Amino acid sequence: MLSTYTDHARARMQQRGIRAAAVQALLDYGRSVPAGDGCEVLFFDKAVRRAARLPNAYAVVGRDGAVVTVGHRYRRVPRGRP
């Protein structure tokens, strides 16, 4: 899945040292939870992240499919009950 990045997302990737390959892995294999207003938060489960030695990062994807921002996870991702 080829995605577009907003200028904000590119700046945050550079500032936070998150590589494009890590964001692409999030888009391909990450779990998704709603973030409100049509956006989604993508992140790696702990087992997947450790097995593949991936960074503890997240990405917010807008309703148009563009990556809005990225960052490092320091807290749990809030999830509603299914």
N, C-alpha and C. Protein backbone atom coordinates (compact mmCIF):
# COMPACT_ATOMS: atom_id res chain seq x y z
N MET A 1 0.85 -1.18 0.00
CA MET A 1 0.00 0.00 0.00
C MET A 1 0.89 1.24 0.00
N LEU A 2 0.85 1.97 -1.04
CA LEU A 2 1.62 3.21 -1.13
C LEU A 2 0.78 4.33 -0.54
N SER A 3 1.38 5.12 0.34
CA SER A 3 0.60 6.16 0.99
C SER A 3 1.25 7.52 0.81
N THR A 4 0.47 8.54 1.07
CA THR A 4 0.98 9.90 1.02
C THR A 4 1.17 10.39 2.45
N TYR A 5 2.09 11.30 2.62
CA TYR A 5 2.38 11.87 3.92
C TYR A 5 2.09 13.36 3.88
N THR A 6 1.49 13.88 4.93
CA THR A 6 1.32 15.32 5.02
C THR A 6 2.67 15.94 5.36
N ASP A 7 2.80 17.24 5.17
CA ASP A 7 4.04 17.92 5.55
C ASP A 7 4.31 17.75 7.04
N HIS A 8 3.24 17.77 7.83
CA HIS A 8 3.37 17.60 9.28
C HIS A 8 3.95 16.21 9.60
N ALA A 9 3.45 15.18 8.92
CA ALA A 9 3.93 13.82 9.16
C ALA A 9 5.41 13.69 8.78
N ARG A 10 5.81 14.27 7.65
CA ARG A 10 7.22 14.21 7.25
C ARG A 10 8.12 14.90 8.28
N ALA A 11 7.67 16.05 8.77
CA ALA A 11 8.46 16.77 9.78
C ALA A 11 8.57 15.95 11.06
N ARG A 12 7.48 15.32 11.49
CA ARG A 12 7.52 14.52 12.72
C ARG A 12 8.37 13.27 12.55
N MET A 13 8.34 12.67 11.36
CA MET A 13 9.19 11.51 11.11
C MET A 13 10.66 11.88 11.26
N GLN A 14 11.04 13.03 10.72
CA GLN A 14 12.42 13.47 10.81
C GLN A 14 12.78 13.84 12.25
N GLN A 15 11.93 14.57 12.93
CA GLN A 15 12.21 15.01 14.29
C GLN A 15 12.30 13.84 15.26
N ARG A 16 11.47 12.82 15.04
CA ARG A 16 11.39 11.71 15.98
C ARG A 16 12.19 10.49 15.55
N GLY A 17 12.86 10.57 14.42
CA GLY A 17 13.72 9.47 13.98
C GLY A 17 12.96 8.22 13.60
N ILE A 18 11.79 8.39 13.03
CA ILE A 18 10.99 7.25 12.59
C ILE A 18 11.14 7.13 11.08
N ARG A 19 11.64 6.01 10.64
CA ARG A 19 11.92 5.81 9.22
C ARG A 19 10.65 5.52 8.43
N ALA A 20 10.71 5.80 7.15
CA ALA A 20 9.57 5.55 6.27
C ALA A 20 9.24 4.06 6.21
N ALA A 21 10.25 3.20 6.32
CA ALA A 21 10.01 1.75 6.30
C ALA A 21 9.19 1.32 7.51
N ALA A 22 9.41 1.94 8.66
CA ALA A 22 8.63 1.61 9.86
C ALA A 22 7.18 2.05 9.68
N VAL A 23 6.97 3.22 9.09
CA VAL A 23 5.61 3.69 8.85
C VAL A 23 4.93 2.79 7.82
N GLN A 24 5.64 2.37 6.81
CA GLN A 24 5.07 1.47 5.81
C GLN A 24 4.68 0.13 6.45
N ALA A 25 5.52 -0.38 7.36
CA ALA A 25 5.19 -1.62 8.07
C ALA A 25 3.94 -1.42 8.93
N LEU A 26 3.79 -0.25 9.55
CA LEU A 26 2.57 0.05 10.31
C LEU A 26 1.35 0.00 9.39
N LEU A 27 1.48 0.60 8.22
CA LEU A 27 0.35 0.61 7.28
C LEU A 27 0.01 -0.79 6.80
N ASP A 28 1.02 -1.63 6.62
CA ASP A 28 0.79 -2.98 6.10
C ASP A 28 0.35 -3.97 7.18
N TYR A 29 0.94 -3.89 8.39
CA TYR A 29 0.74 -4.94 9.39
C TYR A 29 0.21 -4.45 10.74
N GLY A 30 0.05 -3.16 10.91
CA GLY A 30 -0.36 -2.64 12.21
C GLY A 30 -1.83 -2.83 12.49
N ARG A 31 -2.17 -2.81 13.79
CA ARG A 31 -3.57 -2.85 14.21
C ARG A 31 -4.15 -1.45 14.09
N SER A 32 -5.43 -1.38 13.92
CA SER A 32 -6.10 -0.10 13.71
C SER A 32 -7.22 0.08 14.73
N VAL A 33 -7.28 1.27 15.32
CA VAL A 33 -8.40 1.63 16.19
C VAL A 33 -8.88 3.01 15.76
N PRO A 34 -10.17 3.26 15.88
CA PRO A 34 -10.70 4.58 15.49
C PRO A 34 -10.13 5.68 16.39
N ALA A 35 -9.83 6.81 15.79
CA ALA A 35 -9.30 7.95 16.53
C ALA A 35 -10.28 9.11 16.54
N GLY A 36 -11.41 8.94 15.93
CA GLY A 36 -12.41 10.00 15.87
C GLY A 36 -12.29 10.80 14.59
N ASP A 37 -13.38 11.38 14.18
CA ASP A 37 -13.45 12.24 13.00
C ASP A 37 -12.98 11.52 11.73
N GLY A 38 -13.18 10.20 11.68
CA GLY A 38 -12.82 9.43 10.50
C GLY A 38 -11.38 8.99 10.43
N CYS A 39 -10.56 9.36 11.40
CA CYS A 39 -9.14 8.97 11.41
C CYS A 39 -8.96 7.64 12.13
N GLU A 40 -7.81 7.02 11.91
CA GLU A 40 -7.46 5.77 12.58
C GLU A 40 -6.05 5.88 13.14
N VAL A 41 -5.82 5.21 14.28
CA VAL A 41 -4.49 5.10 14.86
C VAL A 41 -3.99 3.70 14.54
N LEU A 42 -2.80 3.61 13.95
CA LEU A 42 -2.17 2.32 13.63
C LEU A 42 -1.01 2.11 14.59
N PHE A 43 -0.88 0.89 15.10
CA PHE A 43 0.19 0.57 16.02
C PHE A 43 0.48 -0.92 15.93
N PHE A 44 1.62 -1.34 16.48
CA PHE A 44 1.99 -2.75 16.51
C PHE A 44 1.62 -3.34 17.85
N ASP A 45 1.08 -4.57 17.83
CA ASP A 45 0.88 -5.30 19.07
C ASP A 45 2.24 -5.64 19.67
N LYS A 46 2.28 -5.82 20.95
CA LYS A 46 3.55 -6.08 21.64
C LYS A 46 4.25 -7.32 21.08
N ALA A 47 3.52 -8.40 20.87
CA ALA A 47 4.14 -9.63 20.39
C ALA A 47 4.72 -9.46 18.99
N VAL A 48 4.00 -8.80 18.12
CA VAL A 48 4.47 -8.57 16.75
C VAL A 48 5.69 -7.67 16.76
N ARG A 49 5.62 -6.61 17.56
CA ARG A 49 6.72 -5.65 17.61
C ARG A 49 8.00 -6.31 18.11
N ARG A 50 7.89 -7.12 19.13
CA ARG A 50 9.09 -7.78 19.67
C ARG A 50 9.63 -8.84 18.72
N ALA A 51 8.75 -9.60 18.11
CA ALA A 51 9.19 -10.67 17.21
C ALA A 51 9.90 -10.10 15.98
N ALA A 52 9.42 -8.99 15.47
CA ALA A 52 9.99 -8.42 14.26
C ALA A 52 10.99 -7.30 14.54
N ARG A 53 11.21 -7.00 15.83
CA ARG A 53 12.13 -5.94 16.25
C ARG A 53 11.76 -4.61 15.60
N LEU A 54 10.50 -4.25 15.72
CA LEU A 54 9.98 -3.01 15.17
C LEU A 54 9.91 -1.94 16.25
N PRO A 55 9.94 -0.68 15.88
CA PRO A 55 9.88 0.38 16.90
C PRO A 55 8.49 0.47 17.52
N ASN A 56 8.43 0.98 18.73
CA ASN A 56 7.17 1.19 19.42
C ASN A 56 6.60 2.52 18.95
N ALA A 57 6.05 2.53 17.76
CA ALA A 57 5.59 3.76 17.13
C ALA A 57 4.11 3.65 16.79
N TYR A 58 3.53 4.80 16.46
CA TYR A 58 2.15 4.83 15.98
C TYR A 58 2.06 5.79 14.82
N ALA A 59 1.00 5.66 14.06
CA ALA A 59 0.73 6.58 12.95
C ALA A 59 -0.76 6.89 12.95
N VAL A 60 -1.10 8.13 12.68
CA VAL A 60 -2.49 8.53 12.54
C VAL A 60 -2.75 8.72 11.05
N VAL A 61 -3.76 8.02 10.56
CA VAL A 61 -4.11 8.08 9.15
C VAL A 61 -5.47 8.76 9.02
N GLY A 62 -5.54 9.76 8.17
CA GLY A 62 -6.77 10.50 7.95
C GLY A 62 -7.76 9.71 7.12
N ARG A 63 -8.96 10.24 7.01
CA ARG A 63 -10.00 9.53 6.27
C ARG A 63 -9.69 9.44 4.78
N ASP A 64 -8.79 10.30 4.29
CA ASP A 64 -8.39 10.23 2.87
C ASP A 64 -7.23 9.26 2.63
N GLY A 65 -6.73 8.62 3.70
CA GLY A 65 -5.65 7.65 3.57
C GLY A 65 -4.26 8.22 3.72
N ALA A 66 -4.14 9.52 3.93
CA ALA A 66 -2.83 10.15 4.10
C ALA A 66 -2.38 10.01 5.56
N VAL A 67 -1.09 9.80 5.76
CA VAL A 67 -0.52 9.75 7.10
C VAL A 67 -0.47 11.17 7.63
N VAL A 68 -1.16 11.42 8.73
CA VAL A 68 -1.27 12.76 9.29
C VAL A 68 -0.11 13.07 10.24
N THR A 69 0.22 12.13 11.12
CA THR A 69 1.32 12.31 12.05
C THR A 69 1.83 10.95 12.51
N VAL A 70 3.01 10.92 13.06
CA VAL A 70 3.62 9.71 13.62
C VAL A 70 4.28 10.07 14.93
N GLY A 71 4.51 9.07 15.76
CA GLY A 71 5.18 9.31 17.02
C GLY A 71 5.56 8.01 17.69
N HIS A 72 6.21 8.13 18.84
CA HIS A 72 6.58 6.98 19.66
C HIS A 72 5.52 6.80 20.72
N ARG A 73 5.17 5.55 20.98
CA ARG A 73 4.16 5.26 22.00
C ARG A 73 4.83 5.20 23.37
N TYR A 74 4.26 5.96 24.29
CA TYR A 74 4.69 5.91 25.68
C TYR A 74 3.57 5.44 26.59
N ARG A 75 2.37 5.41 26.06
CA ARG A 75 1.20 4.95 26.81
C ARG A 75 0.44 3.93 25.98
N ARG A 76 -0.46 3.26 26.65
CA ARG A 76 -1.31 2.30 25.94
C ARG A 76 -2.23 3.03 24.98
N VAL A 77 -2.59 2.35 23.90
CA VAL A 77 -3.56 2.90 22.96
C VAL A 77 -4.94 2.60 23.51
N PRO A 78 -5.76 3.64 23.77
CA PRO A 78 -7.11 3.38 24.30
C PRO A 78 -7.96 2.67 23.26
N ARG A 79 -8.61 1.61 23.69
CA ARG A 79 -9.45 0.85 22.78
C ARG A 79 -10.80 0.64 23.44
N GLY A 80 -11.84 0.84 22.66
CA GLY A 80 -13.19 0.55 23.15
C GLY A 80 -13.44 -0.93 23.10
N ARG A 81 -14.40 -1.37 23.85
CA ARG A 81 -14.74 -2.79 23.83
C ARG A 81 -15.52 -3.12 22.57
N PRO A 82 -15.21 -4.25 21.93
CA PRO A 82 -15.94 -4.62 20.71
C PRO A 82 -17.36 -5.02 20.96
